[in-house]
Structures are given as C-alpha cells and as structure tokens.
Amino acid sequence: MKTWEEIELSIRRAILKAGTNTQVIFAYPQSPRPSLPYTAIEVVSWGAVINDWFKTDPHSGVTKQYGIRELNVRIHWYGTNAYFEGALCASRLEQLPVRWEMSPDNTMSILRTDDIVLVSDLIENSYEPRAEMNMVLSVALMDGTVDEDVGYFDDIEPILWTNKPH
C-alpha cells in the first residue's frame, strides 16, 4: 500500500517543478503559514473504494489487493503574483516532465483540473492576493503490497468449547 508520505511527496515534487514558488506546503488546520509567496496543497477528499480487485496466487494461497482511488486536492497560491503563478503551474501540469514527478513512485496521474479562480481576500487589514484550483488525481493506492493469507485449518485440536445447550 502506498503511504501517505509517498503520495504527498509526489504531489509536492510535481507542484515544485511546475511552478516558481520554492515554498510548497500541505495545508492543515491551525498550521503555521510561511512568508509570501508560497503554494499550499489542501487535500479535499478521497474517492470511494469501488473497483478494487484481488489476485490469489494458486500455489501460496496469498491474496493481494489492487485498487485505484481518486484524490481531490485544491492548490492555493499566495503572494503578489498568485494568479499568474497559478496559471503557469496549471499549464505546466500538462507537461510530461511534471507528470513524471508523480508517476514513477506512486503510479499517480492527473485526471482533470478546474479553472484557476482569483480568491483574494482581506487578511489582518491587508489585501492578500490569492488564487486556487481544484485538481483530481488518480492514485494506485493499493498496489499489491497488501496481502491476505486466508489459509486453512488442518486440525482443530484441542477443542476448547462445544456448542451444546445447557
């Protein structure tokens, strides 16, 4: 199974390669903010488990699980050139070298991206330029490294209890 750290690292590497901001963080509630400009990645939701499949080795009896999930993320750009940084980053996400930052380690790809929205806001009495974009990723979360050895019992000795009425 892919670890959350592997998935975060792949997304972060792609955003770093696509944009010019050198500070790319994952946004968590109540987490500190770096100085401007920076890019924050927010995990919005995971897709449901729908089409997992299992493969059983007939010799060992071990069953391995495979499955692909949709991961919805929102990318936020902060700073004076937030909208332009977002536009640059979004256009470069389509390029193969950036996509390769995601795929070799995690078998991850970009399914779709939304439009970039300018969401500048008044923060602590100052105007803060911000932009954001939603992105849906396809992540091979279950990669066959999770297995289940169902096995079988040859013997049930000693019998510890019997199912009889009292």
N, C-alpha and C. Protein backbone atom coordinates (compact mmCIF):
# COMPACT_ATOMS: atom_id res chain seq x y z
N MET A 1 0.85 -1.18 0.00
CA MET A 1 0.00 0.00 0.00
C MET A 1 0.89 1.24 0.00
N LYS A 2 0.52 2.20 -0.79
CA LYS A 2 1.27 3.45 -0.83
C LYS A 2 1.05 4.20 0.47
N THR A 3 2.11 4.74 1.02
CA THR A 3 1.98 5.51 2.25
C THR A 3 1.57 6.93 1.91
N TRP A 4 0.98 7.59 2.89
CA TRP A 4 0.56 8.97 2.70
C TRP A 4 1.77 9.86 2.42
N GLU A 5 2.89 9.56 3.03
CA GLU A 5 4.11 10.36 2.82
C GLU A 5 4.58 10.26 1.37
N GLU A 6 4.50 9.06 0.78
CA GLU A 6 4.89 8.89 -0.63
C GLU A 6 3.98 9.69 -1.55
N ILE A 7 2.69 9.67 -1.26
CA ILE A 7 1.73 10.40 -2.09
C ILE A 7 1.95 11.90 -1.97
N GLU A 8 2.11 12.41 -0.73
CA GLU A 8 2.37 13.84 -0.53
C GLU A 8 3.65 14.28 -1.24
N LEU A 9 4.69 13.48 -1.11
CA LEU A 9 5.97 13.83 -1.73
C LEU A 9 5.85 13.93 -3.24
N SER A 10 5.13 13.02 -3.87
CA SER A 10 4.97 13.06 -5.32
C SER A 10 4.20 14.29 -5.78
N ILE A 11 3.13 14.63 -5.06
CA ILE A 11 2.34 15.82 -5.42
C ILE A 11 3.19 17.07 -5.24
N ARG A 12 3.89 17.14 -4.12
CA ARG A 12 4.72 18.32 -3.83
C ARG A 12 5.82 18.49 -4.87
N ARG A 13 6.47 17.39 -5.27
CA ARG A 13 7.53 17.47 -6.29
C ARG A 13 6.99 17.99 -7.61
N ALA A 14 5.79 17.54 -7.99
CA ALA A 14 5.19 18.00 -9.25
C ALA A 14 4.87 19.49 -9.20
N ILE A 15 4.32 19.96 -8.08
CA ILE A 15 3.97 21.38 -7.94
C ILE A 15 5.24 22.23 -7.94
N LEU A 16 6.29 21.76 -7.26
CA LEU A 16 7.57 22.48 -7.26
C LEU A 16 8.14 22.59 -8.68
N LYS A 17 8.05 21.51 -9.44
CA LYS A 17 8.59 21.52 -10.80
C LYS A 17 7.73 22.38 -11.74
N ALA A 18 6.41 22.41 -11.50
CA ALA A 18 5.52 23.16 -12.39
C ALA A 18 5.55 24.66 -12.13
N GLY A 19 5.71 25.06 -10.88
CA GLY A 19 5.65 26.49 -10.55
C GLY A 19 7.00 27.08 -10.25
N THR A 20 6.99 28.35 -9.82
CA THR A 20 8.23 29.03 -9.46
C THR A 20 8.35 29.25 -7.96
N ASN A 21 7.26 29.06 -7.20
CA ASN A 21 7.34 29.20 -5.75
C ASN A 21 8.23 28.10 -5.18
N THR A 22 9.16 28.47 -4.33
CA THR A 22 10.04 27.47 -3.73
C THR A 22 9.49 26.93 -2.41
N GLN A 23 8.46 27.57 -1.89
CA GLN A 23 7.83 27.10 -0.67
C GLN A 23 6.49 26.45 -1.04
N VAL A 24 6.44 25.13 -0.97
CA VAL A 24 5.22 24.38 -1.25
C VAL A 24 4.93 23.54 -0.02
N ILE A 25 3.78 23.79 0.58
CA ILE A 25 3.42 23.11 1.83
C ILE A 25 2.07 22.41 1.67
N PHE A 26 1.78 21.53 2.60
CA PHE A 26 0.44 20.96 2.69
C PHE A 26 -0.30 21.74 3.77
N ALA A 27 -1.51 22.17 3.44
CA ALA A 27 -2.31 22.98 4.36
C ALA A 27 -3.04 22.07 5.34
N TYR A 28 -2.87 22.34 6.61
CA TYR A 28 -3.57 21.63 7.68
C TYR A 28 -4.21 22.67 8.59
N PRO A 29 -5.31 22.32 9.24
CA PRO A 29 -5.96 23.29 10.14
C PRO A 29 -5.00 23.76 11.23
N GLN A 30 -4.99 25.06 11.48
CA GLN A 30 -4.18 25.69 12.51
C GLN A 30 -2.67 25.53 12.30
N SER A 31 -2.26 25.22 11.07
CA SER A 31 -0.82 25.08 10.83
C SER A 31 -0.23 26.46 10.52
N PRO A 32 1.06 26.66 10.81
CA PRO A 32 1.69 27.96 10.53
C PRO A 32 1.81 28.19 9.03
N ARG A 33 1.83 29.47 8.67
CA ARG A 33 1.97 29.86 7.27
C ARG A 33 3.36 30.42 7.04
N PRO A 34 3.99 30.04 5.93
CA PRO A 34 5.31 30.62 5.63
C PRO A 34 5.14 32.04 5.10
N SER A 35 6.26 32.71 4.89
CA SER A 35 6.21 34.06 4.32
C SER A 35 5.83 33.97 2.85
N LEU A 36 5.23 35.05 2.35
CA LEU A 36 4.81 35.11 0.95
C LEU A 36 6.01 35.21 0.03
N PRO A 37 5.95 34.72 -1.17
CA PRO A 37 4.92 33.92 -1.81
C PRO A 37 5.11 32.44 -1.49
N TYR A 38 4.00 31.70 -1.50
CA TYR A 38 4.07 30.26 -1.29
C TYR A 38 2.86 29.59 -1.91
N THR A 39 2.95 28.27 -2.01
CA THR A 39 1.87 27.45 -2.55
C THR A 39 1.47 26.45 -1.47
N ALA A 40 0.17 26.30 -1.29
CA ALA A 40 -0.34 25.34 -0.31
C ALA A 40 -1.23 24.32 -1.01
N ILE A 41 -1.08 23.07 -0.64
CA ILE A 41 -1.88 21.99 -1.21
C ILE A 41 -2.84 21.51 -0.12
N GLU A 42 -4.11 21.52 -0.42
CA GLU A 42 -5.13 21.09 0.54
C GLU A 42 -5.78 19.81 0.03
N VAL A 43 -5.79 18.78 0.86
CA VAL A 43 -6.47 17.54 0.49
C VAL A 43 -7.94 17.72 0.81
N VAL A 44 -8.78 17.58 -0.19
CA VAL A 44 -10.21 17.80 -0.02
C VAL A 44 -10.91 16.49 0.31
N SER A 45 -10.69 15.43 -0.48
CA SER A 45 -11.35 14.15 -0.21
C SER A 45 -10.72 13.03 -1.02
N TRP A 46 -10.94 11.82 -0.52
CA TRP A 46 -10.59 10.61 -1.24
C TRP A 46 -11.84 10.05 -1.87
N GLY A 47 -11.70 9.43 -3.01
CA GLY A 47 -12.83 8.75 -3.64
C GLY A 47 -13.14 7.45 -2.92
N ALA A 48 -14.30 6.94 -3.18
CA ALA A 48 -14.75 5.70 -2.53
C ALA A 48 -14.02 4.48 -3.10
N VAL A 49 -14.01 3.42 -2.31
CA VAL A 49 -13.48 2.14 -2.77
C VAL A 49 -14.56 1.51 -3.63
N ILE A 50 -14.33 1.44 -4.93
CA ILE A 50 -15.36 0.92 -5.82
C ILE A 50 -14.87 -0.31 -6.58
N ASN A 51 -13.76 -0.18 -7.24
CA ASN A 51 -13.33 -1.24 -8.15
C ASN A 51 -12.02 -1.88 -7.74
N ASP A 52 -11.85 -2.21 -6.46
CA ASP A 52 -10.66 -2.95 -6.08
C ASP A 52 -10.75 -4.36 -6.65
N TRP A 53 -9.61 -4.93 -6.90
CA TRP A 53 -9.61 -6.31 -7.35
C TRP A 53 -8.56 -7.08 -6.58
N PHE A 54 -8.74 -8.38 -6.52
CA PHE A 54 -7.88 -9.26 -5.75
C PHE A 54 -7.34 -10.34 -6.67
N LYS A 55 -6.10 -10.72 -6.41
CA LYS A 55 -5.49 -11.78 -7.19
C LYS A 55 -4.88 -12.78 -6.21
N THR A 56 -5.27 -14.02 -6.33
CA THR A 56 -4.79 -15.06 -5.42
C THR A 56 -3.77 -15.92 -6.14
N ASP A 57 -2.63 -16.10 -5.49
CA ASP A 57 -1.60 -16.99 -6.02
C ASP A 57 -2.06 -18.42 -5.73
N PRO A 58 -2.25 -19.25 -6.77
CA PRO A 58 -2.77 -20.59 -6.52
C PRO A 58 -1.81 -21.50 -5.76
N HIS A 59 -0.51 -21.19 -5.77
CA HIS A 59 0.46 -22.03 -5.09
C HIS A 59 0.60 -21.69 -3.61
N SER A 60 0.62 -20.38 -3.31
CA SER A 60 0.83 -19.98 -1.91
C SER A 60 -0.48 -19.70 -1.17
N GLY A 61 -1.56 -19.45 -1.92
CA GLY A 61 -2.84 -19.13 -1.28
C GLY A 61 -2.91 -17.69 -0.79
N VAL A 62 -1.91 -16.88 -1.11
CA VAL A 62 -1.88 -15.49 -0.67
C VAL A 62 -2.67 -14.62 -1.66
N THR A 63 -3.56 -13.79 -1.12
CA THR A 63 -4.37 -12.89 -1.94
C THR A 63 -3.81 -11.48 -1.83
N LYS A 64 -3.57 -10.85 -2.97
CA LYS A 64 -3.06 -9.47 -2.99
C LYS A 64 -4.16 -8.55 -3.47
N GLN A 65 -4.20 -7.33 -2.88
CA GLN A 65 -5.24 -6.36 -3.20
C GLN A 65 -4.68 -5.25 -4.08
N TYR A 66 -5.44 -4.88 -5.11
CA TYR A 66 -5.09 -3.79 -6.01
C TYR A 66 -6.27 -2.83 -6.07
N GLY A 67 -6.02 -1.54 -6.25
CA GLY A 67 -7.12 -0.61 -6.36
C GLY A 67 -6.65 0.81 -6.64
N ILE A 68 -7.48 1.53 -7.35
CA ILE A 68 -7.18 2.91 -7.73
C ILE A 68 -8.21 3.82 -7.07
N ARG A 69 -7.74 4.93 -6.51
CA ARG A 69 -8.64 5.88 -5.85
C ARG A 69 -8.49 7.25 -6.49
N GLU A 70 -9.56 8.01 -6.45
CA GLU A 70 -9.49 9.42 -6.85
C GLU A 70 -9.15 10.24 -5.61
N LEU A 71 -8.20 11.14 -5.76
CA LEU A 71 -7.80 12.04 -4.70
C LEU A 71 -8.09 13.46 -5.17
N ASN A 72 -8.95 14.16 -4.44
CA ASN A 72 -9.30 15.54 -4.78
C ASN A 72 -8.47 16.50 -3.94
N VAL A 73 -7.71 17.35 -4.60
CA VAL A 73 -6.89 18.33 -3.90
C VAL A 73 -7.22 19.73 -4.43
N ARG A 74 -6.97 20.72 -3.60
CA ARG A 74 -7.13 22.12 -4.01
C ARG A 74 -5.76 22.78 -3.81
N ILE A 75 -5.28 23.42 -4.84
CA ILE A 75 -3.98 24.10 -4.78
C ILE A 75 -4.24 25.58 -4.60
N HIS A 76 -3.59 26.17 -3.60
CA HIS A 76 -3.73 27.60 -3.30
C HIS A 76 -2.38 28.27 -3.57
N TRP A 77 -2.42 29.40 -4.26
CA TRP A 77 -1.21 30.21 -4.47
C TRP A 77 -1.40 31.52 -3.73
N TYR A 78 -0.38 31.94 -3.00
CA TYR A 78 -0.41 33.17 -2.21
C TYR A 78 0.74 34.06 -2.63
N GLY A 79 0.50 35.36 -2.64
CA GLY A 79 1.54 36.32 -2.97
C GLY A 79 1.09 37.29 -4.05
N THR A 80 1.93 38.26 -4.37
CA THR A 80 1.54 39.31 -5.30
C THR A 80 1.23 38.79 -6.70
N ASN A 81 1.88 37.72 -7.12
CA ASN A 81 1.63 37.15 -8.45
C ASN A 81 0.88 35.83 -8.36
N ALA A 82 -0.03 35.71 -7.42
CA ALA A 82 -0.71 34.45 -7.17
C ALA A 82 -1.42 33.91 -8.40
N TYR A 83 -2.17 34.77 -9.09
CA TYR A 83 -2.93 34.31 -10.25
C TYR A 83 -2.01 33.86 -11.38
N PHE A 84 -0.95 34.61 -11.62
CA PHE A 84 -0.02 34.26 -12.69
C PHE A 84 0.78 33.00 -12.34
N GLU A 85 1.13 32.86 -11.07
CA GLU A 85 1.81 31.64 -10.62
C GLU A 85 0.88 30.43 -10.82
N GLY A 86 -0.39 30.61 -10.49
CA GLY A 86 -1.37 29.53 -10.69
C GLY A 86 -1.52 29.17 -12.16
N ALA A 87 -1.58 30.18 -13.02
CA ALA A 87 -1.72 29.92 -14.46
C ALA A 87 -0.50 29.19 -15.01
N LEU A 88 0.69 29.62 -14.57
CA LEU A 88 1.92 28.97 -15.00
C LEU A 88 1.95 27.52 -14.53
N CYS A 89 1.65 27.32 -13.27
CA CYS A 89 1.68 25.99 -12.68
C CYS A 89 0.65 25.07 -13.36
N ALA A 90 -0.55 25.58 -13.57
CA ALA A 90 -1.60 24.77 -14.21
C ALA A 90 -1.22 24.36 -15.62
N SER A 91 -0.62 25.28 -16.38
CA SER A 91 -0.24 24.94 -17.75
C SER A 91 0.91 23.93 -17.77
N ARG A 92 1.83 24.05 -16.83
CA ARG A 92 2.96 23.11 -16.79
C ARG A 92 2.56 21.74 -16.25
N LEU A 93 1.46 21.66 -15.51
CA LEU A 93 1.00 20.35 -15.03
C LEU A 93 0.64 19.43 -16.19
N GLU A 94 0.40 20.01 -17.36
CA GLU A 94 0.08 19.22 -18.54
C GLU A 94 1.32 18.63 -19.20
N GLN A 95 2.49 19.12 -18.83
CA GLN A 95 3.72 18.68 -19.48
C GLN A 95 4.21 17.35 -18.91
N LEU A 96 4.77 16.54 -19.77
CA LEU A 96 5.21 15.21 -19.38
C LEU A 96 6.26 15.20 -18.26
N PRO A 97 7.28 16.07 -18.29
CA PRO A 97 8.26 16.02 -17.19
C PRO A 97 7.65 16.24 -15.81
N VAL A 98 6.63 17.09 -15.74
CA VAL A 98 5.97 17.34 -14.46
C VAL A 98 5.14 16.12 -14.06
N ARG A 99 4.45 15.53 -15.02
CA ARG A 99 3.65 14.34 -14.71
C ARG A 99 4.53 13.17 -14.28
N TRP A 100 5.75 13.11 -14.80
CA TRP A 100 6.66 12.04 -14.40
C TRP A 100 7.08 12.18 -12.95
N GLU A 101 7.01 13.38 -12.39
CA GLU A 101 7.32 13.56 -10.97
C GLU A 101 6.33 12.81 -10.09
N MET A 102 5.13 12.57 -10.62
CA MET A 102 4.11 11.86 -9.86
C MET A 102 4.10 10.36 -10.14
N SER A 103 4.33 9.97 -11.36
CA SER A 103 4.04 8.60 -11.74
C SER A 103 5.06 7.53 -11.37
N PRO A 104 6.36 7.75 -11.41
CA PRO A 104 7.25 6.59 -11.20
C PRO A 104 7.12 5.97 -9.81
N ASP A 105 6.98 6.77 -8.79
CA ASP A 105 6.93 6.23 -7.44
C ASP A 105 5.53 5.75 -7.04
N ASN A 106 4.52 6.44 -7.50
CA ASN A 106 3.19 6.20 -6.96
C ASN A 106 2.14 5.80 -7.97
N THR A 107 2.50 5.63 -9.21
CA THR A 107 1.51 5.32 -10.23
C THR A 107 0.33 6.27 -10.06
N MET A 108 0.62 7.54 -10.16
CA MET A 108 -0.35 8.60 -9.95
C MET A 108 -0.43 9.44 -11.21
N SER A 109 -1.64 9.86 -11.57
CA SER A 109 -1.78 10.73 -12.73
C SER A 109 -2.87 11.76 -12.47
N ILE A 110 -2.83 12.84 -13.25
CA ILE A 110 -3.82 13.90 -13.13
C ILE A 110 -5.00 13.53 -14.03
N LEU A 111 -6.18 13.41 -13.43
CA LEU A 111 -7.38 13.13 -14.22
C LEU A 111 -7.92 14.41 -14.84
N ARG A 112 -8.04 15.46 -14.01
CA ARG A 112 -8.57 16.72 -14.52
C ARG A 112 -8.22 17.86 -13.57
N THR A 113 -8.21 19.05 -14.13
CA THR A 113 -8.02 20.26 -13.33
C THR A 113 -9.15 21.23 -13.66
N ASP A 114 -9.51 22.03 -12.68
CA ASP A 114 -10.54 23.06 -12.89
C ASP A 114 -9.86 24.36 -13.28
N ASP A 115 -10.67 25.37 -13.52
CA ASP A 115 -10.15 26.70 -13.83
C ASP A 115 -9.52 27.32 -12.58
N ILE A 116 -8.61 28.23 -12.80
CA ILE A 116 -7.99 28.96 -11.70
C ILE A 116 -8.92 30.10 -11.32
N VAL A 117 -9.16 30.25 -10.04
CA VAL A 117 -10.07 31.26 -9.54
C VAL A 117 -9.29 32.23 -8.67
N LEU A 118 -9.48 33.52 -8.91
CA LEU A 118 -8.85 34.55 -8.08
C LEU A 118 -9.71 34.74 -6.84
N VAL A 119 -9.16 34.43 -5.68
CA VAL A 119 -9.93 34.49 -4.43
C VAL A 119 -9.22 35.39 -3.41
N SER A 120 -8.72 36.51 -3.87
CA SER A 120 -8.01 37.43 -2.98
C SER A 120 -8.93 37.85 -1.84
N ASP A 121 -8.32 38.12 -0.70
CA ASP A 121 -9.11 38.39 0.49
C ASP A 121 -8.41 39.42 1.36
N LEU A 122 -9.19 40.02 2.25
CA LEU A 122 -8.65 40.96 3.22
C LEU A 122 -8.25 40.17 4.46
N ILE A 123 -6.95 40.06 4.71
CA ILE A 123 -6.43 39.30 5.85
C ILE A 123 -5.69 40.26 6.76
N GLU A 124 -6.13 40.34 8.00
CA GLU A 124 -5.47 41.18 9.01
C GLU A 124 -5.20 42.59 8.47
N ASN A 125 -6.21 43.24 7.98
CA ASN A 125 -6.16 44.62 7.50
C ASN A 125 -5.27 44.83 6.28
N SER A 126 -4.93 43.78 5.56
CA SER A 126 -4.16 43.97 4.33
C SER A 126 -4.72 43.06 3.25
N TYR A 127 -4.58 43.52 2.03
CA TYR A 127 -5.09 42.78 0.89
C TYR A 127 -4.10 41.69 0.52
N GLU A 128 -4.55 40.44 0.50
CA GLU A 128 -3.67 39.32 0.18
C GLU A 128 -4.11 38.67 -1.13
N PRO A 129 -3.34 38.83 -2.19
CA PRO A 129 -3.69 38.17 -3.44
C PRO A 129 -3.57 36.65 -3.31
N ARG A 130 -4.65 35.96 -3.71
CA ARG A 130 -4.67 34.50 -3.65
C ARG A 130 -5.38 33.97 -4.88
N ALA A 131 -5.00 32.77 -5.27
CA ALA A 131 -5.69 32.06 -6.36
C ALA A 131 -5.74 30.59 -5.97
N GLU A 132 -6.72 29.89 -6.55
CA GLU A 132 -6.82 28.47 -6.23
C GLU A 132 -7.36 27.69 -7.42
N MET A 133 -7.10 26.39 -7.40
CA MET A 133 -7.54 25.49 -8.46
C MET A 133 -7.78 24.11 -7.87
N ASN A 134 -8.85 23.46 -8.29
CA ASN A 134 -9.11 22.08 -7.88
C ASN A 134 -8.46 21.14 -8.88
N MET A 135 -7.98 20.01 -8.36
CA MET A 135 -7.34 19.02 -9.21
C MET A 135 -7.75 17.63 -8.71
N VAL A 136 -8.05 16.74 -9.65
CA VAL A 136 -8.41 15.37 -9.30
C VAL A 136 -7.31 14.46 -9.81
N LEU A 137 -6.78 13.65 -8.90
CA LEU A 137 -5.70 12.72 -9.23
C LEU A 137 -6.20 11.29 -9.17
N SER A 138 -5.60 10.45 -9.96
CA SER A 138 -5.86 9.02 -9.89
C SER A 138 -4.64 8.39 -9.23
N VAL A 139 -4.84 7.73 -8.09
CA VAL A 139 -3.73 7.18 -7.32
C VAL A 139 -3.93 5.68 -7.18
N ALA A 140 -2.92 4.90 -7.59
CA ALA A 140 -2.96 3.45 -7.38
C ALA A 140 -2.57 3.20 -5.93
N LEU A 141 -3.54 3.38 -5.05
CA LEU A 141 -3.27 3.29 -3.61
C LEU A 141 -2.95 1.86 -3.19
N MET A 142 -3.74 0.93 -3.63
CA MET A 142 -3.49 -0.47 -3.32
C MET A 142 -2.70 -1.06 -4.48
N ASP A 143 -1.43 -1.35 -4.24
CA ASP A 143 -0.53 -1.73 -5.33
C ASP A 143 -0.09 -3.18 -5.27
N GLY A 144 -0.80 -4.00 -4.53
CA GLY A 144 -0.44 -5.41 -4.42
C GLY A 144 0.50 -5.72 -3.29
N THR A 145 0.92 -4.71 -2.54
CA THR A 145 1.80 -4.98 -1.40
C THR A 145 1.01 -5.37 -0.16
N VAL A 146 -0.31 -5.15 -0.17
CA VAL A 146 -1.15 -5.61 0.94
C VAL A 146 -1.63 -7.00 0.57
N ASP A 147 -1.35 -7.95 1.43
CA ASP A 147 -1.81 -9.30 1.13
C ASP A 147 -2.60 -9.86 2.28
N GLU A 148 -3.30 -10.91 1.97
CA GLU A 148 -4.14 -11.56 2.96
C GLU A 148 -3.96 -13.05 2.77
N ASP A 149 -3.39 -13.69 3.76
CA ASP A 149 -3.21 -15.13 3.71
C ASP A 149 -4.39 -15.75 4.41
N VAL A 150 -5.40 -16.18 3.63
CA VAL A 150 -6.60 -16.72 4.25
C VAL A 150 -6.32 -18.07 4.88
N GLY A 151 -5.46 -18.86 4.28
CA GLY A 151 -5.06 -20.13 4.85
C GLY A 151 -6.23 -21.05 5.11
N TYR A 152 -5.95 -22.14 5.81
CA TYR A 152 -6.99 -23.09 6.18
C TYR A 152 -6.49 -23.86 7.39
N PHE A 153 -7.42 -24.54 8.07
CA PHE A 153 -7.07 -25.32 9.25
C PHE A 153 -6.97 -26.78 8.87
N ASP A 154 -5.87 -27.42 9.25
CA ASP A 154 -5.74 -28.86 9.07
C ASP A 154 -6.35 -29.61 10.25
N ASP A 155 -6.26 -28.99 11.42
CA ASP A 155 -6.66 -29.67 12.65
C ASP A 155 -7.22 -28.65 13.62
N ILE A 156 -8.18 -29.05 14.42
CA ILE A 156 -8.74 -28.14 15.41
C ILE A 156 -8.61 -28.77 16.79
N GLU A 157 -7.46 -29.28 17.09
CA GLU A 157 -7.24 -29.90 18.39
C GLU A 157 -6.42 -28.97 19.25
N PRO A 158 -6.62 -28.83 20.47
CA PRO A 158 -7.72 -29.42 21.22
C PRO A 158 -8.99 -28.58 21.07
N ILE A 159 -10.14 -29.21 21.20
CA ILE A 159 -11.40 -28.49 21.15
C ILE A 159 -11.60 -27.81 22.50
N LEU A 160 -11.74 -26.49 22.48
CA LEU A 160 -11.82 -25.72 23.72
C LEU A 160 -13.26 -25.52 24.17
N TRP A 161 -14.22 -25.67 23.31
CA TRP A 161 -15.61 -25.48 23.68
C TRP A 161 -16.50 -26.27 22.74
N THR A 162 -17.66 -26.58 23.19
CA THR A 162 -18.63 -27.27 22.35
C THR A 162 -19.92 -26.45 22.33
N ASN A 163 -20.61 -26.57 21.25
CA ASN A 163 -21.83 -25.79 21.07
C ASN A 163 -23.04 -26.69 21.39
N LYS A 164 -23.35 -26.81 22.70
CA LYS A 164 -24.46 -27.63 23.14
C LYS A 164 -25.33 -26.81 24.08
N PRO A 165 -26.62 -27.08 24.07
CA PRO A 165 -27.48 -26.39 25.04
C PRO A 165 -27.19 -26.87 26.46
N HIS A 166 -27.35 -25.99 27.43
CA HIS A 166 -27.08 -26.35 28.83
C HIS A 166 -28.25 -27.06 29.45
